Amino acid sequence: MEEQVYAGRVLHIGLSNFNASQMEKIMKVARIRPACNQIEANIYFQNKELIAFCRGMRIPVVAYAPLGNPGINIYLSIIQREK
């Protein structure tokens, strides 16, 4: 992927669902710092340790929450009340 950045075909390289040990391995060999790490994080699964690790590595976290998570009904009811 780094060659694609150097060739101008890709602007940034991101990670998805990498844990701390995987990120450490990448950081040892990567010439380009990852732009972000996309991980699952929601009110029921806050993933605090991995988020803290990413902050320490200066890698932004992009959080996603699956639509099938247990809190989706609460979230949808809040949105409905705000309308």
C-alpha atoms as a PDB file:
ATOM      1  CA  MET A   1       0.000   0.000   0.000  1.00  0.00           C
ATOM      2  CA  GLU A   2       2.853   2.375   0.705  1.00  0.00           C
ATOM      3  CA  GLU A   3       3.961   2.069  -2.920  1.00  0.00           C
ATOM      4  CA  GLN A   4       0.469   3.206  -3.952  1.00  0.00           C
ATOM      5  CA  VAL A   5       0.885   6.337  -1.827  1.00  0.00           C
ATOM      6  CA  TYR A   6       4.262   7.055  -3.415  1.00  0.00           C
ATOM      7  CA  ALA A   7       2.728   6.526  -6.862  1.00  0.00           C
ATOM      8  CA  GLY A   8      -0.019   9.047  -6.063  1.00  0.00           C
ATOM      9  CA  ARG A   9      -2.900   6.576  -6.403  1.00  0.00           C
ATOM     10  CA  VAL A  10      -3.741   6.556  -2.670  1.00  0.00           C
ATOM     11  CA  LEU A  11      -3.720   9.476  -0.254  1.00  0.00           C
ATOM     12  CA  HIS A  12      -3.804   7.695   3.107  1.00  0.00           C
ATOM     13  CA  ILE A  13      -3.487   4.205   4.534  1.00  0.00           C
ATOM     14  CA  GLY A  14      -5.763   3.217   7.395  1.00  0.00           C
ATOM     15  CA  LEU A  15      -6.130   0.155   9.559  1.00  0.00           C
ATOM     16  CA  SER A  16      -9.291  -1.689  10.452  1.00  0.00           C
ATOM     17  CA  ASN A  17      -9.825  -3.835  13.543  1.00  0.00           C
ATOM     18  CA  PHE A  18      -6.121  -3.964  14.431  1.00  0.00           C
ATOM     19  CA  ASN A  19      -5.336  -4.711  18.062  1.00  0.00           C
ATOM     20  CA  ALA A  20      -2.403  -3.213  19.981  1.00  0.00           C
ATOM     21  CA  SER A  21       0.102  -5.972  19.193  1.00  0.00           C
ATOM     22  CA  GLN A  22      -0.777  -5.915  15.491  1.00  0.00           C
ATOM     23  CA  MET A  23      -0.366  -2.147  15.430  1.00  0.00           C
ATOM     24  CA  GLU A  24       3.039  -2.411  17.114  1.00  0.00           C
ATOM     25  CA  LYS A  25       4.167  -4.831  14.397  1.00  0.00           C
ATOM     26  CA  ILE A  26       2.971  -2.462  11.672  1.00  0.00           C
ATOM     27  CA  MET A  27       4.683   0.533  13.266  1.00  0.00           C
ATOM     28  CA  LYS A  28       8.018  -1.333  13.289  1.00  0.00           C
ATOM     29  CA  VAL A  29       8.013  -1.857   9.525  1.00  0.00           C
ATOM     30  CA  ALA A  30       5.826   0.933   8.134  1.00  0.00           C
ATOM     31  CA  ARG A  31       7.427   3.933   6.495  1.00  0.00           C
ATOM     32  CA  ILE A  32       4.096   5.786   6.507  1.00  0.00           C
ATOM     33  CA  ARG A  33       2.171   6.216   9.754  1.00  0.00           C
ATOM     34  CA  PRO A  34      -1.381   4.781   9.521  1.00  0.00           C
ATOM     35  CA  ALA A  35      -3.969   7.529   9.090  1.00  0.00           C
ATOM     36  CA  CYS A  36      -6.404   5.851  11.522  1.00  0.00           C
ATOM     37  CA  ASN A  37      -7.578   2.590  13.044  1.00  0.00           C
ATOM     38  CA  GLN A  38     -11.257   1.811  12.558  1.00  0.00           C
ATOM     39  CA  ILE A  39     -12.553  -0.248  15.465  1.00  0.00           C
ATOM     40  CA  GLU A  40     -15.840  -1.163  17.055  1.00  0.00           C
ATOM     41  CA  ALA A  41     -16.706   1.193  19.872  1.00  0.00           C
ATOM     42  CA  ASN A  42     -20.117   1.953  21.285  1.00  0.00           C
ATOM     43  CA  ILE A  43     -21.760   2.567  24.625  1.00  0.00           C
ATOM     44  CA  TYR A  44     -21.776  -1.154  25.447  1.00  0.00           C
ATOM     45  CA  PHE A  45     -18.273  -1.873  24.107  1.00  0.00           C
ATOM     46  CA  GLN A  46     -16.119   1.180  24.708  1.00  0.00           C
ATOM     47  CA  ASN A  47     -12.764  -0.429  23.878  1.00  0.00           C
ATOM     48  CA  LYS A  48     -11.010   2.031  26.212  1.00  0.00           C
ATOM     49  CA  GLU A  49      -7.646   0.229  26.341  1.00  0.00           C
ATOM     50  CA  LEU A  50      -7.246   0.131  22.563  1.00  0.00           C
ATOM     51  CA  ILE A  51      -8.381   3.746  22.203  1.00  0.00           C
ATOM     52  CA  ALA A  52      -5.826   4.800  24.811  1.00  0.00           C
ATOM     53  CA  PHE A  53      -3.135   2.831  22.992  1.00  0.00           C
ATOM     54  CA  CYS A  54      -4.021   4.522  19.692  1.00  0.00           C
ATOM     55  CA  ARG A  55      -3.885   7.937  21.335  1.00  0.00           C
ATOM     56  CA  GLY A  56      -0.443   7.111  22.690  1.00  0.00           C
ATOM     57  CA  MET A  57       0.684   6.146  19.189  1.00  0.00           C
ATOM     58  CA  ARG A  58      -0.898   9.349  17.767  1.00  0.00           C
ATOM     59  CA  ILE A  59      -3.199   7.335  15.518  1.00  0.00           C
ATOM     60  CA  PRO A  60      -6.804   8.602  15.369  1.00  0.00           C
ATOM     61  CA  VAL A  61      -9.603   6.143  16.059  1.00  0.00           C
ATOM     62  CA  VAL A  62     -12.629   5.875  13.804  1.00  0.00           C
ATOM     63  CA  ALA A  63     -15.388   4.132  15.725  1.00  0.00           C
ATOM     64  CA  TYR A  64     -18.157   2.082  14.234  1.00  0.00           C
ATOM     65  CA  ALA A  65     -21.141   0.442  15.862  1.00  0.00           C
ATOM     66  CA  PRO A  66     -22.891  -2.399  14.079  1.00  0.00           C
ATOM     67  CA  LEU A  67     -26.545  -1.711  13.365  1.00  0.00           C
ATOM     68  CA  GLY A  68     -27.419  -4.951  15.096  1.00  0.00           C
ATOM     69  CA  ASN A  69     -25.934  -3.910  18.425  1.00  0.00           C
ATOM     70  CA  PRO A  70     -28.063  -4.112  21.585  1.00  0.00           C
ATOM     71  CA  GLY A  71     -28.313  -0.333  21.937  1.00  0.00           C
ATOM     72  CA  ILE A  72     -29.764   0.419  18.514  1.00  0.00           C
ATOM     73  CA  ASN A  73     -33.347   0.631  19.805  1.00  0.00           C
ATOM     74  CA  ILE A  74     -32.341   3.140  22.489  1.00  0.00           C
ATOM     75  CA  TYR A  75     -30.470   5.210  19.899  1.00  0.00           C
ATOM     76  CA  LEU A  76     -33.389   5.156  17.458  1.00  0.00           C
ATOM     77  CA  SER A  77     -35.869   6.178  20.168  1.00  0.00           C
ATOM     78  CA  ILE A  78     -33.670   9.165  21.091  1.00  0.00           C
ATOM     79  CA  ILE A  79     -33.518  10.244  17.460  1.00  0.00           C
ATOM     80  CA  GLN A  80     -37.306   9.957  17.134  1.00  0.00           C
ATOM     81  CA  ARG A  81     -37.832  12.124  20.242  1.00  0.00           C
ATOM     82  CA  GLU A  82     -35.527  14.839  18.848  1.00  0.00           C
ATOM     83  CA  LYS A  83     -37.549  15.222  15.646  1.00  0.00           C
END
